[in-house]
Amino acid sequence: GRHRKPPKDKLQGQIAELLLAPSAVRDRLTAGIYIGPPEQPVGQLDVAMQAVIDADVITARLKKQGIKSAHDPRVESATSPAEKAILARAEELTQKVIAVDDFAPGDVSPLWNSR
């Protein structure tokens, strides 16, 4: 068959941006997909994504001030109580989404370390 060149990195980045933020393109691609309530995994991802997007403006401003982490003590004086709440919610939901179950190897497989 024909050989085609893969898309350039710049185009791939533009496509990723369209999918990683609320947009008409993302809405068309996800139309009809069951997201579920916020307690279910996909619903959690959806809620966490919006919280992180809400916090992005604040995070960008803090980075311009040389504050790279929401845990930096300077955040206290650089943000309002409402902004602190937005940052805390984004952090909490992000941690919830990336948390994985932790099992001891013996709990998962009876063959583990059975020598």
Protein backbone atom coordinates (compact mmCIF):
# COMPACT_ATOMS: atom_id res chain seq x y z
CA GLY A 1 0.00 0.00 0.00
CA ARG A 2 0.86 3.65 0.01
CA HIS A 3 3.35 4.94 2.49
CA ARG A 4 2.19 7.95 4.42
CA LYS A 5 4.07 10.23 6.69
CA PRO A 6 2.84 10.44 10.27
CA PRO A 7 1.45 13.78 11.40
CA LYS A 8 3.95 16.32 12.67
CA ASP A 9 4.39 16.80 16.42
CA LYS A 10 2.84 20.25 16.22
CA LEU A 11 -0.37 18.85 14.72
CA GLN A 12 -0.48 16.06 17.30
CA GLY A 13 -0.14 18.67 20.04
CA GLN A 14 -2.97 20.73 18.58
CA ILE A 15 -5.21 17.67 18.44
CA ALA A 16 -4.34 16.75 22.04
CA GLU A 17 -5.25 20.28 23.16
CA LEU A 18 -8.66 19.95 21.50
CA LEU A 19 -9.32 16.71 23.37
CA LEU A 20 -7.92 17.70 26.75
CA ALA A 21 -10.07 20.76 27.23
CA PRO A 22 -13.77 21.39 26.79
CA SER A 23 -14.37 22.09 23.11
CA ALA A 24 -16.87 21.45 20.35
CA VAL A 25 -14.52 18.81 18.92
CA ARG A 26 -14.35 16.95 22.22
CA ASP A 27 -18.12 17.18 22.60
CA ARG A 28 -18.65 15.66 19.13
CA LEU A 29 -16.24 12.80 19.82
CA THR A 30 -17.72 11.99 23.22
CA ALA A 31 -21.39 12.44 22.32
CA GLY A 32 -23.35 9.43 23.49
CA ILE A 33 -20.60 8.14 25.78
CA TYR A 34 -21.84 7.23 29.23
CA ILE A 35 -19.83 9.30 31.72
CA GLY A 36 -21.66 8.19 34.82
CA PRO A 37 -22.00 9.98 38.13
CA PRO A 38 -18.97 11.59 39.82
CA GLU A 39 -18.60 8.55 42.10
CA GLN A 40 -17.78 6.28 39.14
CA PRO A 41 -14.34 6.27 37.46
CA VAL A 42 -15.17 8.08 34.21
CA GLY A 43 -17.35 10.56 36.07
CA GLN A 44 -14.45 11.18 38.46
CA LEU A 45 -12.14 11.87 35.52
CA ASP A 46 -14.62 14.32 34.03
CA VAL A 47 -15.07 16.22 37.29
CA ALA A 48 -11.32 16.24 38.00
CA MET A 49 -10.56 17.55 34.51
CA GLN A 50 -12.91 20.49 34.98
CA ALA A 51 -11.44 21.24 38.43
CA VAL A 52 -7.91 21.27 36.99
CA ILE A 53 -9.03 23.53 34.14
CA ASP A 54 -10.61 25.88 36.70
CA ALA A 55 -7.33 25.94 38.63
CA ASP A 56 -5.12 26.49 35.55
CA VAL A 57 -5.50 30.28 35.52
CA ILE A 58 -4.49 30.49 39.17
CA THR A 59 -1.62 28.03 38.72
CA ALA A 60 -0.29 29.98 35.72
CA ARG A 61 -0.36 33.21 37.70
CA LEU A 62 1.46 31.59 40.61
CA LYS A 63 4.13 30.20 38.28
CA LYS A 64 4.75 33.71 36.94
CA GLN A 65 5.37 34.72 40.56
CA GLY A 66 7.90 31.91 40.95
CA ILE A 67 5.55 29.67 42.94
CA LYS A 68 5.69 26.21 41.41
CA SER A 69 3.66 24.20 43.92
CA ALA A 70 0.33 24.64 45.64
CA HIS A 71 2.16 23.52 48.79
CA ASP A 72 4.55 26.48 48.69
CA PRO A 73 3.99 28.69 51.78
CA ARG A 74 3.84 31.77 49.53
CA VAL A 75 0.53 30.53 48.11
CA GLU A 76 -1.13 31.70 51.32
CA SER A 77 -0.39 35.36 50.62
CA ALA A 78 -0.64 35.11 46.82
CA THR A 79 -4.19 33.77 46.61
CA SER A 80 -7.62 34.60 47.92
CA PRO A 81 -9.61 32.13 50.03
CA ALA A 82 -11.74 31.29 46.98
CA GLU A 83 -8.64 30.62 44.87
CA LYS A 84 -7.18 28.43 47.62
CA ALA A 85 -10.40 26.42 47.61
CA ILE A 86 -10.20 25.98 43.82
CA LEU A 87 -6.57 24.81 44.06
CA ALA A 88 -7.37 22.45 46.94
CA ARG A 89 -10.32 20.93 45.07
CA ALA A 90 -8.23 20.37 41.94
CA GLU A 91 -5.50 18.74 44.03
CA GLU A 92 -7.95 16.54 45.93
CA LEU A 93 -9.76 15.35 42.80
CA THR A 94 -6.49 14.74 40.96
CA GLN A 95 -5.18 12.62 43.81
CA LYS A 96 -8.45 10.69 43.91
CA VAL A 97 -8.28 9.94 40.19
CA ILE A 98 -4.66 8.81 40.17
CA ALA A 99 -4.90 6.75 43.36
CA VAL A 100 -4.68 3.05 42.69
CA ASP A 101 -5.57 0.10 44.82
CA ASP A 102 -2.61 -1.29 46.70
CA PHE A 103 -2.51 -4.99 47.38
CA ALA A 104 0.16 -7.16 48.95
CA PRO A 105 1.51 -9.61 46.33
CA GLY A 106 0.25 -12.58 48.37
CA ASP A 107 -3.29 -11.17 48.29
CA VAL A 108 -3.25 -11.10 44.49
CA SER A 109 -1.65 -14.46 43.79
CA PRO A 110 -1.43 -17.50 46.03
CA LEU A 111 1.64 -18.52 43.98
CA TRP A 112 3.61 -15.47 45.00
CA ASN A 113 6.64 -16.44 47.03
CA SER A 114 5.39 -20.03 47.43
CA ARG A 115 8.84 -21.62 47.54
